[in-house]
Amino acid sequence: MKRPNIIFYFSDQQRWDTMGCYGQRLNVTPVLDALAGEGMLFQNAFTCQPVCGPARACLQTGMYAAEAGCHTNHRILPEGMDTLARRLNAGGYETAYVGKWHLASCEGSSYRTEAVPPKRRGGYQYWMAADALEWTSHGYNGYVFDGDMRRHDFVGHRIDCINAFAVDYIHKYAEGTREKPFFLFVSQLDPHHQNDRNRYEGPDGSKTRFKDYDVPGDLAGKGGDWRENYPDYLGQCNLLDQNVGRLMDALEAAGLKDDTVVLYSSDHGSHFRTRNAEYKRSCEDGCLHIPLIAWGGPFASAGKTDELVSLIDVPPTILDLAGLDIPAHYRGHSLLQLARGDASGWPDTVYAQISEAENARTVRTKKWKYCVCAPVFDPKEAYPKTYVEEKLYDLENDPYENTNLVSDPAYAKVRAQLKQRLKAFMRYAHEPEAEILPAPGSPAV
């Protein structure tokens, strides 16, 4: 069987419910909705680390972020690490990276705004990227660097420009020998907020086109800044969708569409400052729940699944698609099992590490969300020795996570069960043994 080309299209800070296939009423993502209908929709997909750099470290290494050495932003992916790209290179694939990298520079490093040297690119062969795209661009201007470290300035909106480099790669590949299949990682910054301007920067006209949005249930009645930003946020998601369509058109024009598998996801969502002082780094679903669709190859007409899946499942899925062995240190599971309609033995829980706003760990089942947090916050600490129970949500009866049950004695047995489940995941992620204390005012379990 011919091995497929593989494209992983990655947005940044996109909630799952921005897409029609997840219930969005407005016509924000018609292209992605169609791909989900033709392929496979993962209705319960969650990030394993709700912040940019750590989530990317999980994707490039197949491990949870702390184990990969990148539990916070501004941590360099260790040189020579056994990355996804290096495994694909060795397995006979061309590898290409376009967009935001966020794994090459520490705080204050010049690589945030200058070219990433080859040794810090994780093994990717073709390169058109910036380490911290939020520092080299705004909505309508910016730049990235090519493989020879030459700067390429944007003309137009950032989403269009990043996508244009991906389309250009596809056409160059099609004009070449095509001796090897390719893996293309397209890493958009949008719909991430613009850090230095403290707002979401949608394309022109977003505020008008998407002003009649339905307020997501977890944001309704809360503070935060979603009221002024949500139309632009949806505008960014819509422009992403348009560009996925352009990429699919390029595949078809190049005669590559039938030989390509496309995955689409995001690193985390956005709670619009309703849960903490910024947009992510919390355990609630507005932050953890992400879109995930797969199109083509074994995912063709595979339908929907409500099994719980994680971003950590993407790296083994890519290797499985490529016909390569999945290494023992990869923490996820190949989604091809679910594409075959086989959910036997599939985990009923997902796990996430949380950093920067707090040092926390969380597990989520279909019914429960349980989160513990280190009582003393140290952003440098990858593995706190002590945690305190922080949150417990009954997701069936409280889907918008408005009522924290962690101190309610009626749920002591539930906490005890979830505590053991959390500890099992921590061991699986090679975390040192830690003490988990009961929430203040709650009975010990």
Protein backbone atom coordinates (compact mmCIF):
# COMPACT_ATOMS: atom_id res chain seq x y z
CA MET A 1 0.00 0.00 0.00
CA LYS A 2 1.30 3.43 -0.92
CA ARG A 3 2.10 5.53 2.11
CA PRO A 4 0.11 8.78 2.23
CA ASN A 5 1.29 12.34 2.36
CA ILE A 6 0.31 13.75 5.76
CA ILE A 7 -0.65 17.32 6.63
CA PHE A 8 -1.18 18.43 10.21
CA TYR A 9 -2.94 21.81 10.19
CA PHE A 10 -2.63 23.44 13.60
CA SER A 11 -4.43 26.51 14.87
CA ASP A 12 -3.60 28.29 18.13
CA GLN A 13 -6.10 28.94 20.92
CA GLN A 14 -9.18 27.76 19.00
CA ARG A 15 -12.21 26.55 20.92
CA TRP A 16 -13.96 23.47 19.58
CA ASP A 17 -17.33 25.24 19.46
CA THR A 18 -16.19 27.75 16.85
CA MET A 19 -16.89 25.08 14.21
CA GLY A 20 -20.25 24.13 12.75
CA CYS A 21 -19.56 20.42 13.13
CA TYR A 22 -19.44 21.05 16.90
CA GLY A 23 -22.65 23.10 16.94
CA GLN A 24 -21.61 26.62 15.94
CA ARG A 25 -24.72 28.27 14.43
CA LEU A 26 -22.93 30.89 12.32
CA ASN A 27 -21.28 29.91 9.05
CA VAL A 28 -17.73 30.15 10.41
CA THR A 29 -16.12 26.92 9.19
CA PRO A 30 -17.90 25.48 6.13
CA VAL A 31 -14.73 23.91 4.70
CA LEU A 32 -13.73 22.15 7.91
CA ASP A 33 -17.32 21.09 8.51
CA ALA A 34 -17.34 19.44 5.08
CA LEU A 35 -14.03 17.71 5.76
CA ALA A 36 -15.39 16.43 9.07
CA GLY A 37 -18.43 15.07 7.25
CA GLU A 38 -16.26 13.31 4.68
CA GLY A 39 -13.73 12.07 7.23
CA MET A 40 -13.82 11.63 10.99
CA LEU A 41 -14.93 14.01 13.74
CA PHE A 42 -13.57 13.57 17.26
CA GLN A 43 -16.28 15.09 19.42
CA ASN A 44 -14.38 14.81 22.71
CA ALA A 45 -10.83 15.97 21.95
CA PHE A 46 -8.73 17.67 24.61
CA THR A 47 -5.31 19.21 24.90
CA CYS A 48 -2.67 17.65 27.15
CA GLN A 49 -1.09 21.02 28.01
CA PRO A 50 -3.10 24.26 27.67
CA VAL A 51 -0.27 26.60 26.70
CA CYS A 52 1.53 27.11 23.39
CA GLY A 53 5.12 25.89 23.71
CA PRO A 54 4.43 22.90 25.98
CA ALA A 55 1.60 21.67 23.73
CA ARG A 56 3.99 21.85 20.77
CA ALA A 57 6.63 19.94 22.71
CA CYS A 58 4.09 17.14 23.23
CA LEU A 59 3.44 16.99 19.49
CA GLN A 60 7.11 16.94 18.53
CA THR A 61 8.17 14.33 21.09
CA GLY A 62 5.11 12.18 21.77
CA MET A 63 5.64 12.75 25.51
CA TYR A 64 3.94 14.95 28.05
CA ALA A 65 5.56 18.37 28.22
CA ALA A 66 7.32 18.04 31.56
CA GLU A 67 8.98 14.80 30.48
CA ALA A 68 10.08 16.50 27.24
CA GLY A 69 11.75 19.28 29.25
CA CYS A 70 9.34 21.99 28.07
CA HIS A 71 6.72 22.33 30.81
CA THR A 72 6.46 26.12 30.26
CA ASN A 73 6.86 28.53 27.38
CA HIS A 74 10.34 29.82 26.59
CA ARG A 75 12.01 26.46 27.08
CA ILE A 76 14.19 25.09 24.32
CA LEU A 77 13.45 21.67 22.93
CA PRO A 78 16.68 19.79 23.67
CA GLU A 79 18.92 19.49 20.62
CA GLY A 80 19.08 16.07 19.06
CA MET A 81 15.92 14.87 20.78
CA ASP A 82 14.10 11.94 19.19
CA THR A 83 11.44 14.06 17.48
CA LEU A 84 8.54 13.26 15.21
CA ALA A 85 10.33 14.84 12.25
CA ARG A 86 13.50 12.83 12.78
CA ARG A 87 11.53 9.60 12.91
CA LEU A 88 9.71 10.51 9.71
CA ASN A 89 12.97 11.53 8.02
CA ALA A 90 14.50 8.18 8.90
CA GLY A 91 11.33 6.44 7.74
CA GLY A 92 11.51 7.83 4.23
CA TYR A 93 9.42 10.99 4.45
CA GLU A 94 10.18 14.57 3.47
CA THR A 95 9.37 16.83 6.41
CA ALA A 96 8.31 20.47 6.24
CA TYR A 97 7.37 23.06 8.85
CA VAL A 98 5.54 26.33 8.22
CA GLY A 99 4.47 28.98 10.75
CA LYS A 100 4.95 29.21 14.52
CA TRP A 101 7.53 26.96 16.22
CA HIS A 102 7.84 28.22 19.81
CA LEU A 103 10.44 25.65 20.89
CA ALA A 104 13.75 27.37 20.15
CA SER A 105 14.12 30.31 22.52
CA CYS A 106 14.13 31.15 26.18
CA GLU A 107 12.91 34.40 27.72
CA GLY A 108 14.74 37.34 26.16
CA SER A 109 16.39 35.23 23.47
CA SER A 110 17.01 36.87 20.11
CA TYR A 111 15.47 33.83 18.43
CA ARG A 112 12.08 35.17 19.42
CA THR A 113 12.41 37.74 16.63
CA GLU A 114 15.31 36.38 14.59
CA ALA A 115 15.86 33.22 12.55
CA VAL A 116 15.90 29.83 14.27
CA PRO A 117 19.18 28.04 13.46
CA PRO A 118 18.95 24.55 11.92
CA LYS A 119 20.05 22.78 15.11
CA ARG A 120 16.92 24.04 16.89
CA ARG A 121 14.33 23.08 14.26
CA GLY A 122 13.56 19.61 15.54
CA GLY A 123 14.87 17.89 12.41
CA TYR A 124 12.49 19.43 9.85
CA GLN A 125 14.03 19.61 6.39
CA TYR A 126 11.95 22.37 4.79
CA TRP A 127 11.50 25.45 6.97
CA MET A 128 9.47 28.65 6.71
CA ALA A 129 8.82 29.74 10.26
CA ALA A 130 9.42 32.03 13.21
CA ASP A 131 9.92 30.81 16.73
CA ALA A 132 7.48 33.21 18.40
CA LEU A 133 5.22 34.38 15.59
CA GLU A 134 3.36 36.63 18.03
CA TRP A 135 6.60 38.64 18.32
CA THR A 136 7.31 38.83 14.57
CA SER A 137 3.80 39.70 13.37
CA HIS A 138 0.47 41.38 13.88
CA GLY A 139 -2.76 40.59 12.10
CA TYR A 140 -1.73 42.48 8.97
CA ASN A 141 2.04 42.49 9.00
CA GLY A 142 4.98 40.35 10.02
CA TYR A 143 7.62 37.95 8.81
CA VAL A 144 9.08 34.45 9.02
CA PHE A 145 12.42 32.96 7.96
CA ASP A 146 13.26 30.30 5.41
CA GLY A 147 15.68 27.40 5.78
CA ASP A 148 18.62 29.63 4.90
CA MET A 149 17.62 32.09 7.65
CA ARG A 150 16.45 34.73 5.18
CA ARG A 151 13.53 36.92 6.24
CA HIS A 152 10.25 36.83 4.28
CA ASP A 153 7.82 39.68 4.94
CA PHE A 154 4.04 39.29 4.88
CA VAL A 155 1.70 41.08 2.50
CA GLY A 156 -1.87 40.76 3.72
CA HIS A 157 -3.32 39.03 6.76
CA ARG A 158 -1.01 36.72 8.68
CA ILE A 159 -3.28 33.68 8.21
CA ASP A 160 -3.24 34.10 4.42
CA CYS A 161 0.53 34.52 4.36
CA ILE A 162 1.37 31.48 6.48
CA ASN A 163 -1.00 29.39 4.40
CA ALA A 164 0.52 30.71 1.17
CA PHE A 165 3.89 29.29 2.19
CA ALA A 166 2.24 25.91 2.78
CA VAL A 167 0.55 26.05 -0.62
CA ASP A 168 3.87 27.00 -2.19
CA TYR A 169 5.49 23.95 -0.59
CA ILE A 170 2.80 21.68 -2.04
CA HIS A 171 3.33 23.03 -5.56
CA LYS A 172 7.11 22.75 -5.28
CA TYR A 173 6.75 19.18 -4.09
CA ALA A 174 4.41 18.37 -6.97
CA GLU A 175 6.92 19.77 -9.47
CA GLY A 176 9.72 17.65 -8.01
CA THR A 177 10.50 13.97 -8.18
CA ARG A 178 7.91 12.89 -5.59
CA GLU A 179 10.24 10.06 -4.62
CA LYS A 180 9.17 10.31 -1.00
CA PRO A 181 5.82 11.13 0.59
CA PHE A 182 5.76 14.33 2.63
CA PHE A 183 4.74 15.36 6.12
CA LEU A 184 3.76 19.03 6.30
CA PHE A 185 3.14 20.73 9.65
CA VAL A 186 1.25 24.03 9.20
CA SER A 187 1.30 25.97 12.47
CA GLN A 188 -0.89 29.08 12.41
CA LEU A 189 -0.81 31.63 15.23
CA ASP A 190 -4.48 32.55 14.91
CA PRO A 191 -6.95 32.78 16.56
CA HIS A 192 -4.49 33.58 19.36
CA HIS A 193 -4.82 37.06 20.86
CA GLN A 194 -2.20 39.64 19.91
CA ASN A 195 0.00 39.82 23.01
CA ASP A 196 1.40 43.34 22.63
CA ARG A 197 -1.98 44.86 21.71
CA ASN A 198 -4.09 42.93 24.21
CA ARG A 199 -6.83 42.00 21.72
CA TYR A 200 -7.86 39.51 19.07
CA GLU A 201 -7.07 40.77 15.57
CA GLY A 202 -9.62 39.44 13.13
CA PRO A 203 -9.56 40.21 9.40
CA ASP A 204 -11.32 43.37 8.24
CA GLY A 205 -15.08 43.15 8.59
CA SER A 206 -15.13 40.53 11.35
CA LYS A 207 -16.92 42.71 13.87
CA THR A 208 -19.82 43.19 11.47
CA ARG A 209 -20.01 39.72 9.93
CA PHE A 210 -19.99 37.87 13.25
CA LYS A 211 -21.71 40.33 15.58
CA ASP A 212 -24.81 38.12 15.96
CA TYR A 213 -23.01 35.24 17.66
CA ASP A 214 -24.48 32.99 20.32
CA VAL A 215 -22.64 33.39 23.62
CA PRO A 216 -20.94 30.11 24.59
CA GLY A 217 -22.54 28.72 27.73
CA ASP A 218 -19.36 28.78 29.79
CA LEU A 219 -18.90 32.51 29.07
CA ALA A 220 -22.50 33.65 29.54
CA GLY A 221 -22.97 35.95 32.50
CA LYS A 222 -19.27 36.07 33.32
CA GLY A 223 -16.71 38.85 33.12
CA GLY A 224 -13.68 38.58 30.88
CA ASP A 225 -13.25 40.29 27.53
CA TRP A 226 -15.27 38.04 25.21
CA ARG A 227 -17.88 40.74 24.51
CA GLU A 228 -15.43 42.98 22.66
CA ASN A 229 -13.34 40.17 21.16
CA TYR A 230 -15.60 37.29 20.15
CA PRO A 231 -16.59 38.61 16.67
CA ASP A 232 -12.92 39.09 15.75
CA TYR A 233 -12.12 35.68 17.21
CA LEU A 234 -14.73 34.07 14.97
CA GLY A 235 -13.38 36.11 12.05
CA GLN A 236 -9.95 34.60 12.61
CA CYS A 237 -11.47 31.12 12.70
CA ASN A 238 -13.36 31.82 9.49
CA LEU A 239 -10.20 32.97 7.70
CA LEU A 240 -8.41 29.83 8.88
CA ASP A 241 -11.23 27.82 7.37
CA GLN A 242 -10.94 29.66 4.05
CA ASN A 243 -7.24 28.89 3.97
CA VAL A 244 -7.75 25.20 4.67
CA GLY A 245 -9.95 25.32 1.58
CA ARG A 246 -7.14 26.90 -0.43
CA LEU A 247 -4.78 24.20 0.75
CA MET A 248 -7.22 21.49 -0.30
CA ASP A 249 -7.57 23.20 -3.70
CA ALA A 250 -3.79 23.17 -4.04
CA LEU A 251 -3.67 19.45 -3.30
CA GLU A 252 -6.30 18.80 -5.93
CA ALA A 253 -4.60 21.01 -8.53
CA ALA A 254 -1.30 19.26 -7.86
CA GLY A 255 -2.86 15.81 -8.21
CA LEU A 256 -2.08 14.98 -4.58
CA LYS A 257 -5.48 15.09 -2.89
CA ASP A 258 -6.27 11.39 -3.14
CA ASP A 259 -2.86 10.50 -1.69
CA THR A 260 -3.01 12.81 1.33
CA VAL A 261 -4.38 12.58 4.88
CA VAL A 262 -5.22 15.87 6.60
CA LEU A 263 -5.50 16.33 10.37
CA TYR A 264 -6.79 19.59 11.89
CA SER A 265 -6.55 20.58 15.54
CA SER A 266 -5.49 23.30 17.99
CA ASP A 267 -3.15 23.53 20.96
CA HIS A 268 -5.85 24.70 23.40
CA GLY A 269 -8.96 26.86 23.60
CA SER A 270 -9.71 30.23 25.16
CA HIS A 271 -11.82 31.09 28.18
CA PHE A 272 -11.49 34.84 27.53
CA ARG A 273 -10.25 35.74 31.00
CA THR A 274 -13.26 34.25 32.74
CA ARG A 275 -11.28 31.67 34.73
CA ASN A 276 -8.02 33.48 35.41
CA ALA A 277 -6.27 36.69 34.37
CA GLU A 278 -5.65 35.56 30.78
CA TYR A 279 -6.99 33.12 28.20
CA LYS A 280 -5.74 29.61 28.94
CA ARG A 281 -3.73 27.69 31.56
CA SER A 282 -6.81 26.40 33.37
CA CYS A 283 -8.59 23.06 33.63
CA GLU A 284 -12.01 24.14 32.35
CA ASP A 285 -13.28 22.88 28.99
CA GLY A 286 -13.23 26.36 27.44
CA CYS A 287 -9.48 25.92 27.65
CA LEU A 288 -8.99 22.15 27.30
CA HIS A 289 -11.62 21.15 24.71
CA ILE A 290 -10.19 21.45 21.19
CA PRO A 291 -11.31 20.66 17.64
CA LEU A 292 -9.94 17.54 16.00
CA ILE A 293 -10.91 16.23 12.59
CA ALA A 294 -9.18 13.78 10.26
CA TRP A 295 -9.77 13.46 6.52
CA GLY A 296 -8.59 11.02 3.89
CA GLY A 297 -7.00 7.58 3.87
CA PRO A 298 -8.26 5.36 6.71
CA PHE A 299 -10.36 8.25 8.04
CA ALA A 300 -12.51 8.52 4.91
CA SER A 301 -16.20 8.28 5.85
CA ALA A 302 -15.25 7.10 9.36
CA GLY A 303 -18.02 9.18 10.94
CA LYS A 304 -18.00 10.50 14.49
CA THR A 305 -16.71 9.22 17.78
CA ASP A 306 -17.45 10.43 21.29
CA GLU A 307 -14.48 8.56 22.78
CA LEU A 308 -12.15 10.80 24.79
CA VAL A 309 -9.01 11.59 22.79
CA SER A 310 -6.03 13.83 23.45
CA LEU A 311 -3.55 15.93 21.55
CA ILE A 312 -0.97 13.43 22.82
CA ASP A 313 -2.63 10.89 20.48
CA VAL A 314 -1.61 12.84 17.37
CA PRO A 315 2.12 11.86 17.19
CA PRO A 316 1.50 8.09 17.31
CA THR A 317 -1.31 8.54 14.77
CA ILE A 318 1.06 10.27 12.35
CA LEU A 319 3.67 7.53 12.70
CA ASP A 320 0.97 4.89 12.27
CA LEU A 321 -0.25 6.60 9.08
CA ALA A 322 3.34 6.59 7.83
CA GLY A 323 3.66 2.85 8.45
CA LEU A 324 6.32 3.39 11.11
CA ASP A 325 6.68 1.79 14.52
CA ILE A 326 5.34 3.77 17.47
CA PRO A 327 8.10 3.99 20.10
CA ALA A 328 7.43 2.75 23.60
CA HIS A 329 8.00 6.18 25.14
CA TYR A 330 5.10 7.74 23.19
CA ARG A 331 2.31 8.40 25.67
CA GLY A 332 -0.67 8.50 23.32
CA HIS A 333 -2.58 6.01 21.20
CA SER A 334 -3.09 5.88 17.44
CA LEU A 335 -6.45 7.26 16.36
CA LEU A 336 -6.49 4.74 13.53
CA GLN A 337 -7.90 2.25 16.02
CA LEU A 338 -11.01 4.40 16.37
CA ALA A 339 -11.13 5.01 12.62
CA ARG A 340 -11.51 1.25 12.23
CA GLY A 341 -14.49 1.36 14.56
CA ASP A 342 -12.62 -0.40 17.36
CA ALA A 343 -12.92 1.27 20.76
CA SER A 344 -11.94 -1.81 22.77
CA GLY A 345 -9.51 -0.90 25.52
CA TRP A 346 -9.57 2.78 24.58
CA PRO A 347 -8.86 5.00 27.64
CA ASP A 348 -11.94 6.52 29.28
CA THR A 349 -9.90 9.38 30.76
CA VAL A 350 -7.66 12.14 29.43
CA TYR A 351 -4.86 13.81 31.37
CA ALA A 352 -3.36 17.29 31.23
CA GLN A 353 -0.46 19.05 32.86
CA ILE A 354 -1.02 22.79 33.52
CA SER A 355 1.73 25.34 34.04
CA GLU A 356 2.57 29.05 34.25
CA ALA A 357 -0.66 30.34 35.83
CA GLU A 358 -0.42 27.49 38.34
CA ASN A 359 1.32 24.14 38.70
CA ALA A 360 -1.59 21.77 38.25
CA ARG A 361 -2.67 18.35 37.02
CA THR A 362 -6.11 17.32 35.84
CA VAL A 363 -8.04 14.29 34.65
CA ARG A 364 -11.29 14.37 32.72
CA THR A 365 -13.81 11.61 32.11
CA LYS A 366 -17.13 12.02 30.31
CA LYS A 367 -18.75 12.77 33.67
CA TRP A 368 -16.06 14.23 35.93
CA LYS A 369 -13.31 16.84 35.92
CA TYR A 370 -10.80 16.69 38.78
CA CYS A 371 -7.90 19.12 39.21
CA VAL A 372 -5.15 19.46 41.80
CA CYS A 373 -2.79 22.42 42.21
CA ALA A 374 0.53 23.01 43.96
CA PRO A 375 -0.06 25.27 47.00
CA VAL A 376 3.15 27.19 46.31
CA PHE A 377 3.44 28.41 42.74
CA ASP A 378 6.87 28.10 41.19
CA PRO A 379 6.88 28.42 37.38
CA LYS A 380 10.30 26.78 37.24
CA GLU A 381 9.11 23.68 39.06
CA ALA A 382 8.21 20.90 36.63
CA TYR A 383 7.25 18.37 39.29
CA PRO A 384 5.83 19.80 42.53
CA LYS A 385 6.10 17.47 45.51
CA THR A 386 2.72 18.46 46.92
CA TYR A 387 -0.67 19.29 45.41
CA VAL A 388 -3.99 20.34 46.91
CA GLU A 389 -7.34 19.35 45.46
CA GLU A 390 -8.59 22.44 43.64
CA LYS A 391 -11.63 21.65 41.47
CA LEU A 392 -14.25 18.96 40.92
CA TYR A 393 -16.98 19.36 38.32
CA ASP A 394 -19.92 17.10 37.52
CA LEU A 395 -19.90 17.58 33.74
CA GLU A 396 -23.17 15.76 33.10
CA ASN A 397 -25.14 18.08 35.39
CA ASP A 398 -22.88 21.13 35.13
CA PRO A 399 -21.46 21.20 31.58
CA TYR A 400 -20.36 24.83 31.89
CA GLU A 401 -18.41 24.14 35.08
CA ASN A 402 -20.03 26.75 37.27
CA THR A 403 -20.19 24.73 40.51
CA ASN A 404 -17.00 23.50 42.14
CA LEU A 405 -17.77 20.42 44.26
CA VAL A 406 -14.26 19.79 45.54
CA SER A 407 -15.11 20.66 49.17
CA ASP A 408 -18.51 18.96 49.22
CA PRO A 409 -18.36 15.92 51.55
CA ALA A 410 -21.02 14.18 49.46
CA TYR A 411 -18.41 13.64 46.74
CA ALA A 412 -15.63 12.25 48.92
CA LYS A 413 -15.73 8.83 47.22
CA VAL A 414 -15.69 10.42 43.77
CA ARG A 415 -12.63 12.47 44.75
CA ALA A 416 -10.90 9.36 46.09
CA GLN A 417 -11.50 7.47 42.84
CA LEU A 418 -10.35 10.35 40.65
CA LYS A 419 -7.33 10.93 42.85
CA GLN A 420 -6.17 7.38 42.19
CA ARG A 421 -6.83 7.77 38.49
CA LEU A 422 -4.82 10.99 38.44
CA LYS A 423 -1.92 9.37 40.28
CA ALA A 424 -1.90 6.53 37.75
CA PHE A 425 -1.55 9.04 34.92
CA MET A 426 1.22 10.86 36.75
CA ARG A 427 3.14 7.60 37.04
CA TYR A 428 2.48 6.86 33.36
CA ALA A 429 3.94 10.28 32.51
CA HIS A 430 7.07 9.37 34.54
CA GLU A 431 6.35 11.99 37.18
CA PRO A 432 7.83 11.49 40.64
CA GLU A 433 5.47 10.48 43.42
CA ALA A 434 3.62 13.49 44.86
CA GLU A 435 1.35 14.05 47.84
CA ILE A 436 -2.22 15.18 47.10
CA LEU A 437 -3.90 16.94 50.03
CA PRO A 438 -7.65 17.47 50.43
CA ALA A 439 -9.14 20.84 49.60
CA PRO A 440 -9.43 23.19 52.59
CA GLY A 441 -12.60 22.39 54.49
CA SER A 442 -13.12 19.01 52.89
CA PRO A 443 -12.66 15.62 54.56
CA ALA A 444 -9.53 13.65 53.79
CA VAL A 445 -9.88 10.70 51.41
